């Protein structure tokens, strides 16, 4: 599981205007409509085509826990794509993104400064340029480590250096041992 990728997805999902289908048959019908057939849905969920058809006809109503999780994840991934795109666009151009994290954060700086890593709980509003970088990296398939580097850069710029007003000699921020991470648009 990708902590940063899932966090960005959860932030965008808060912008949904309608709830996603909850029951397994309704979720299955939605996926069949999206994929235009039961065969593609069956391959994606790694189940038989007949099982998909039985869900669509309400003959099966309660999936196994692992199938229920896959089904919910796939529906949420495809739910309200225009709303999702609008939320990302707004964050990347005007709104920015808020990161709330509890992690071990330290930095590299010249000798004589207190650069030791320590556990910090930070809630920092990041400007649109960092939201755009995070969403662009996520779209291009960046790893969780790469998203973490972008977030560390953003924290360095906005929290430690106060957008260039202090700590100009700061070189690198270390962002490790993440206990909690949440994004909000």
Foldseek 3Di string as FASTA:
>chain_A
DQPLLVQLLVQLLVQDPDDFDDWQLSLLVVVCVVVVHQVVVCVQLVHDSVVSVCSVVVVDTDDDPVSSVSSVVVRSVPPPPVSSVVVLVCCLPPNPKKKWWWFFKFFDFDPPDPGHTDTDTDIFGFHNNLSNVLVVCVVVPHGSVVSVQSVQVRCCCCPVCVNPPDDPRIDGMDTDDIPDIHMHD
